[in-house]
Amino acid sequence: MASAESLAQFDGEGVRLAALARFFRHHPECPVLDFWQWDRERNPDRFETKTRPATDGSTSEVPR
């Protein structure tokens, strides 16, 4: 038998939201896009990035 804590976790908001996101992510007719997919496919004013050297010698992406 499951404990009350296990049931509360199983039926908790986080689990339900994750299941909802999973459902829509894999929905064949209208999947929910992540930010970058949405930006690339739907945003008329795209968020563009360019690479620039960081102060420690690595590179990072920053908005133009």
C-alpha atoms as a PDB file:
ATOM      1  CA  MET A   1       0.000   0.000   0.000  1.00  0.00           C
ATOM      2  CA  ALA A   2       1.274   3.463  -0.879  1.00  0.00           C
ATOM      3  CA  SER A   3       1.977   6.013   1.817  1.00  0.00           C
ATOM      4  CA  ALA A   4       0.127   9.314   1.960  1.00  0.00           C
ATOM      5  CA  GLU A   5       3.405  11.084   1.139  1.00  0.00           C
ATOM      6  CA  SER A   6       3.907   8.950  -1.998  1.00  0.00           C
ATOM      7  CA  LEU A   7       0.357   9.623  -3.144  1.00  0.00           C
ATOM      8  CA  ALA A   8       0.690  13.353  -2.502  1.00  0.00           C
ATOM      9  CA  GLN A   9       3.916  13.435  -4.525  1.00  0.00           C
ATOM     10  CA  PHE A  10       2.414  11.330  -7.330  1.00  0.00           C
ATOM     11  CA  ASP A  11      -0.628  13.595  -7.569  1.00  0.00           C
ATOM     12  CA  GLY A  12       1.268  16.818  -6.868  1.00  0.00           C
ATOM     13  CA  GLU A  13       1.186  19.932  -9.008  1.00  0.00           C
ATOM     14  CA  GLY A  14       4.715  19.409 -10.353  1.00  0.00           C
ATOM     15  CA  VAL A  15       3.935  15.903 -11.597  1.00  0.00           C
ATOM     16  CA  ARG A  16       0.676  17.030 -13.171  1.00  0.00           C
ATOM     17  CA  LEU A  17       2.343  19.986 -14.924  1.00  0.00           C
ATOM     18  CA  ALA A  18       5.126  17.750 -16.223  1.00  0.00           C
ATOM     19  CA  ALA A  19       2.551  15.287 -17.580  1.00  0.00           C
ATOM     20  CA  LEU A  20       0.649  18.131 -19.260  1.00  0.00           C
ATOM     21  CA  ALA A  21       3.844  19.471 -20.844  1.00  0.00           C
ATOM     22  CA  ARG A  22       4.773  15.957 -22.006  1.00  0.00           C
ATOM     23  CA  PHE A  23       1.328  15.532 -23.583  1.00  0.00           C
ATOM     24  CA  PHE A  24       1.522  18.779 -25.535  1.00  0.00           C
ATOM     25  CA  ARG A  25       5.184  18.351 -26.483  1.00  0.00           C
ATOM     26  CA  HIS A  26       4.278  15.141 -28.285  1.00  0.00           C
ATOM     27  CA  HIS A  27       0.879  16.215 -29.617  1.00  0.00           C
ATOM     28  CA  PRO A  28       1.040  15.547 -33.381  1.00  0.00           C
ATOM     29  CA  GLU A  29      -1.236  18.384 -34.508  1.00  0.00           C
ATOM     30  CA  CYS A  30      -0.098  21.265 -32.334  1.00  0.00           C
ATOM     31  CA  PRO A  31       2.975  20.628 -30.209  1.00  0.00           C
ATOM     32  CA  VAL A  32       4.035  23.197 -27.629  1.00  0.00           C
ATOM     33  CA  LEU A  33       7.294  24.748 -28.770  1.00  0.00           C
ATOM     34  CA  ASP A  34      10.156  25.505 -26.424  1.00  0.00           C
ATOM     35  CA  PHE A  35      11.428  29.101 -26.462  1.00  0.00           C
ATOM     36  CA  TRP A  36      14.029  28.615 -29.198  1.00  0.00           C
ATOM     37  CA  GLN A  37      11.664  26.623 -31.430  1.00  0.00           C
ATOM     38  CA  TRP A  38       9.015  29.307 -31.009  1.00  0.00           C
ATOM     39  CA  ASP A  39      11.550  32.046 -31.695  1.00  0.00           C
ATOM     40  CA  ARG A  40      12.828  30.316 -34.841  1.00  0.00           C
ATOM     41  CA  GLU A  41       9.423  29.240 -36.209  1.00  0.00           C
ATOM     42  CA  ARG A  42       6.854  31.782 -35.015  1.00  0.00           C
ATOM     43  CA  ASN A  43       8.415  34.976 -33.689  1.00  0.00           C
ATOM     44  CA  PRO A  44       8.306  37.738 -36.345  1.00  0.00           C
ATOM     45  CA  ASP A  45      10.888  39.728 -34.332  1.00  0.00           C
ATOM     46  CA  ARG A  46      13.444  36.968 -33.677  1.00  0.00           C
ATOM     47  CA  PHE A  47      15.854  37.036 -30.760  1.00  0.00           C
ATOM     48  CA  GLU A  48      19.216  36.967 -32.517  1.00  0.00           C
ATOM     49  CA  THR A  49      22.482  36.111 -30.839  1.00  0.00           C
ATOM     50  CA  LYS A  50      26.090  36.509 -31.772  1.00  0.00           C
ATOM     51  CA  THR A  51      29.166  34.950 -30.203  1.00  0.00           C
ATOM     52  CA  ARG A  52      31.623  37.196 -28.428  1.00  0.00           C
ATOM     53  CA  PRO A  53      34.670  36.393 -26.332  1.00  0.00           C
ATOM     54  CA  ALA A  54      34.084  36.450 -22.586  1.00  0.00           C
ATOM     55  CA  THR A  55      36.621  37.950 -20.206  1.00  0.00           C
ATOM     56  CA  ASP A  56      37.927  34.535 -19.114  1.00  0.00           C
ATOM     57  CA  GLY A  57      38.701  33.421 -22.690  1.00  0.00           C
ATOM     58  CA  SER A  58      35.545  31.361 -23.229  1.00  0.00           C
ATOM     59  CA  THR A  59      32.744  32.394 -25.547  1.00  0.00           C
ATOM     60  CA  SER A  60      29.188  33.205 -24.702  1.00  0.00           C
ATOM     61  CA  GLU A  61      26.022  34.011 -26.612  1.00  0.00           C
ATOM     62  CA  VAL A  62      24.644  37.490 -26.146  1.00  0.00           C
ATOM     63  CA  PRO A  63      21.751  39.363 -27.757  1.00  0.00           C
ATOM     64  CA  ARG A  64      22.621  41.778 -30.543  1.00  0.00           C
END
